[in-house]
Amino acid sequence: MLNIIRKTPRVSLKNNLRKHPRINLKAVVKIKNRKNRIAAKGRCINASLGGIGLSLFGQAKIILSFKDKLEILIVLPDNLQPIQKSGRIVWYKKIGFFTYRSGIEFE
């Protein structure tokens, strides 16, 4: 008798830990740190019901600190009314001279 073994596709551990599916979202984002009131501007890379992935420029290094609370303004291209959210930084890393990637969890 021939035994057939079915392999399940590998799924990265990172995807298993996600609470919400992400979508690609291109939008301008302005963030402000509640503690020191410093603002930075960036781009949204992706979003989900639980948070947003950002690429930030300029003064982002001063703003980025784990668990800092932020005010977030998402300006969508086709929407007249920007979306206001609040959240906290869950991760960040430097990717260029004045550029950072960051993950923000919505409150």
C-alpha atoms as a PDB file:
ATOM      1  CA  MET A   1       0.000   0.000   0.000  1.00  0.00           C
ATOM      2  CA  LEU A   2       1.241   3.495  -0.843  1.00  0.00           C
ATOM      3  CA  ASN A   3       1.291   5.974   2.039  1.00  0.00           C
ATOM      4  CA  ILE A   4       0.668   9.562   1.038  1.00  0.00           C
ATOM      5  CA  ILE A   5       1.968  12.168   3.412  1.00  0.00           C
ATOM      6  CA  ARG A   6       0.347  15.556   3.080  1.00  0.00           C
ATOM      7  CA  LYS A   7       2.546  18.421   4.036  1.00  0.00           C
ATOM      8  CA  THR A   8       0.969  21.531   5.379  1.00  0.00           C
ATOM      9  CA  PRO A   9       2.473  24.744   4.018  1.00  0.00           C
ATOM     10  CA  ARG A  10       4.894  26.531   6.299  1.00  0.00           C
ATOM     11  CA  VAL A  11       3.443  29.589   7.898  1.00  0.00           C
ATOM     12  CA  SER A  12       5.826  31.967   9.539  1.00  0.00           C
ATOM     13  CA  LEU A  13       5.548  32.396  13.279  1.00  0.00           C
ATOM     14  CA  LYS A  14       5.231  36.136  12.753  1.00  0.00           C
ATOM     15  CA  ASN A  15       1.938  35.682  10.866  1.00  0.00           C
ATOM     16  CA  ASN A  16       0.580  33.353  13.550  1.00  0.00           C
ATOM     17  CA  LEU A  17       1.075  36.041  16.204  1.00  0.00           C
ATOM     18  CA  ARG A  18      -0.983  38.662  14.375  1.00  0.00           C
ATOM     19  CA  LYS A  19      -4.379  39.395  15.882  1.00  0.00           C
ATOM     20  CA  HIS A  20      -5.737  41.186  12.806  1.00  0.00           C
ATOM     21  CA  PRO A  21      -5.010  40.794   9.072  1.00  0.00           C
ATOM     22  CA  ARG A  22      -3.068  43.669   7.516  1.00  0.00           C
ATOM     23  CA  ILE A  23      -3.868  45.577   4.348  1.00  0.00           C
ATOM     24  CA  ASN A  24      -1.563  47.781   2.296  1.00  0.00           C
ATOM     25  CA  LEU A  25      -2.516  51.397   2.821  1.00  0.00           C
ATOM     26  CA  LYS A  26      -0.824  54.381   1.249  1.00  0.00           C
ATOM     27  CA  ALA A  27      -1.492  57.564   3.199  1.00  0.00           C
ATOM     28  CA  VAL A  28       0.310  60.504   4.764  1.00  0.00           C
ATOM     29  CA  VAL A  29       0.559  60.229   8.538  1.00  0.00           C
ATOM     30  CA  LYS A  30       1.345  62.897  11.116  1.00  0.00           C
ATOM     31  CA  ILE A  31       2.191  61.785  14.637  1.00  0.00           C
ATOM     32  CA  LYS A  32       2.695  63.714  17.842  1.00  0.00           C
ATOM     33  CA  ASN A  33       4.175  62.362  21.051  1.00  0.00           C
ATOM     34  CA  ARG A  34       1.817  63.152  23.956  1.00  0.00           C
ATOM     35  CA  LYS A  35       4.657  63.388  26.463  1.00  0.00           C
ATOM     36  CA  ASN A  36       6.991  65.881  24.770  1.00  0.00           C
ATOM     37  CA  ARG A  37       4.589  67.236  22.105  1.00  0.00           C
ATOM     38  CA  ILE A  38       7.146  66.742  19.295  1.00  0.00           C
ATOM     39  CA  ALA A  39       5.633  66.004  15.879  1.00  0.00           C
ATOM     40  CA  ALA A  40       6.873  64.029  12.871  1.00  0.00           C
ATOM     41  CA  LYS A  41       5.549  63.208   9.435  1.00  0.00           C
ATOM     42  CA  GLY A  42       5.644  59.922   7.566  1.00  0.00           C
ATOM     43  CA  ARG A  43       3.862  57.436   5.357  1.00  0.00           C
ATOM     44  CA  CYS A  44       1.544  54.610   6.218  1.00  0.00           C
ATOM     45  CA  ILE A  45       2.782  51.270   4.900  1.00  0.00           C
ATOM     46  CA  ASN A  46       0.023  48.974   6.122  1.00  0.00           C
ATOM     47  CA  ALA A  47      -2.859  48.978   8.568  1.00  0.00           C
ATOM     48  CA  SER A  48      -5.175  46.651  10.443  1.00  0.00           C
ATOM     49  CA  LEU A  49      -7.947  46.988  12.982  1.00  0.00           C
ATOM     50  CA  GLY A  50      -5.316  46.790  15.716  1.00  0.00           C
ATOM     51  CA  GLY A  51      -2.633  49.140  14.447  1.00  0.00           C
ATOM     52  CA  ILE A  52      -0.596  50.700  11.700  1.00  0.00           C
ATOM     53  CA  GLY A  53       2.869  50.264  10.165  1.00  0.00           C
ATOM     54  CA  LEU A  54       4.710  53.513   9.447  1.00  0.00           C
ATOM     55  CA  SER A  55       7.774  54.850   7.711  1.00  0.00           C
ATOM     56  CA  LEU A  56       8.782  58.046   9.542  1.00  0.00           C
ATOM     57  CA  PHE A  57      11.191  60.862   8.684  1.00  0.00           C
ATOM     58  CA  GLY A  58      12.836  63.848  10.350  1.00  0.00           C
ATOM     59  CA  GLN A  59      12.423  64.118  14.109  1.00  0.00           C
ATOM     60  CA  ALA A  60      11.180  60.547  14.431  1.00  0.00           C
ATOM     61  CA  LYS A  61      14.242  59.576  16.503  1.00  0.00           C
ATOM     62  CA  ILE A  62      13.173  61.994  19.240  1.00  0.00           C
ATOM     63  CA  ILE A  63       9.589  60.675  19.192  1.00  0.00           C
ATOM     64  CA  LEU A  64      10.289  56.946  19.049  1.00  0.00           C
ATOM     65  CA  SER A  65      10.475  55.254  22.411  1.00  0.00           C
ATOM     66  CA  PHE A  66       8.763  51.995  23.353  1.00  0.00           C
ATOM     67  CA  LYS A  67       5.249  52.305  24.756  1.00  0.00           C
ATOM     68  CA  ASP A  68       5.122  56.091  24.239  1.00  0.00           C
ATOM     69  CA  LYS A  69       1.596  57.274  23.552  1.00  0.00           C
ATOM     70  CA  LEU A  70       0.977  59.073  20.275  1.00  0.00           C
ATOM     71  CA  GLU A  71      -1.692  61.128  18.581  1.00  0.00           C
ATOM     72  CA  ILE A  72      -2.026  59.930  14.981  1.00  0.00           C
ATOM     73  CA  LEU A  73      -3.573  61.773  12.037  1.00  0.00           C
ATOM     74  CA  ILE A  74      -4.046  59.639   8.892  1.00  0.00           C
ATOM     75  CA  VAL A  75      -4.665  61.677   5.737  1.00  0.00           C
ATOM     76  CA  LEU A  76      -6.152  59.452   3.023  1.00  0.00           C
ATOM     77  CA  PRO A  77      -5.877  60.671  -0.586  1.00  0.00           C
ATOM     78  CA  ASP A  78      -9.604  60.455  -1.433  1.00  0.00           C
ATOM     79  CA  ASN A  79     -11.021  61.383   1.939  1.00  0.00           C
ATOM     80  CA  LEU A  80     -11.725  64.984   2.875  1.00  0.00           C
ATOM     81  CA  GLN A  81     -11.822  64.193   6.595  1.00  0.00           C
ATOM     82  CA  PRO A  82      -8.562  62.823   8.099  1.00  0.00           C
ATOM     83  CA  ILE A  83      -8.761  59.932  10.563  1.00  0.00           C
ATOM     84  CA  GLN A  84      -7.628  60.652  14.127  1.00  0.00           C
ATOM     85  CA  LYS A  85      -6.440  57.806  16.341  1.00  0.00           C
ATOM     86  CA  SER A  86      -4.327  57.350  19.411  1.00  0.00           C
ATOM     87  CA  GLY A  87      -1.862  54.561  19.966  1.00  0.00           C
ATOM     88  CA  ARG A  88       1.458  53.454  21.379  1.00  0.00           C
ATOM     89  CA  ILE A  89       4.751  52.382  19.848  1.00  0.00           C
ATOM     90  CA  VAL A  90       5.280  48.613  19.976  1.00  0.00           C
ATOM     91  CA  TRP A  91       8.438  48.437  17.822  1.00  0.00           C
ATOM     92  CA  TYR A  92      10.737  50.568  15.674  1.00  0.00           C
ATOM     93  CA  LYS A  93      13.999  50.280  13.770  1.00  0.00           C
ATOM     94  CA  LYS A  94      16.275  52.608  11.843  1.00  0.00           C
ATOM     95  CA  ILE A  95      16.303  51.950   8.082  1.00  0.00           C
ATOM     96  CA  GLY A  96      18.078  55.056   6.784  1.00  0.00           C
ATOM     97  CA  PHE A  97      19.864  58.241   7.802  1.00  0.00           C
ATOM     98  CA  PHE A  98      16.681  60.032   8.956  1.00  0.00           C
ATOM     99  CA  THR A  99      14.170  57.240   8.276  1.00  0.00           C
ATOM    100  CA  TYR A 100      12.593  54.761  10.692  1.00  0.00           C
ATOM    101  CA  ARG A 101      10.009  51.984  10.438  1.00  0.00           C
ATOM    102  CA  SER A 102       7.595  51.669  13.320  1.00  0.00           C
ATOM    103  CA  GLY A 103       4.619  49.638  14.467  1.00  0.00           C
ATOM    104  CA  ILE A 104       1.869  51.487  16.332  1.00  0.00           C
ATOM    105  CA  GLU A 105      -0.863  49.695  18.259  1.00  0.00           C
ATOM    106  CA  PHE A 106      -4.188  51.554  18.451  1.00  0.00           C
ATOM    107  CA  GLU A 107      -5.669  52.264  21.876  1.00  0.00           C
END
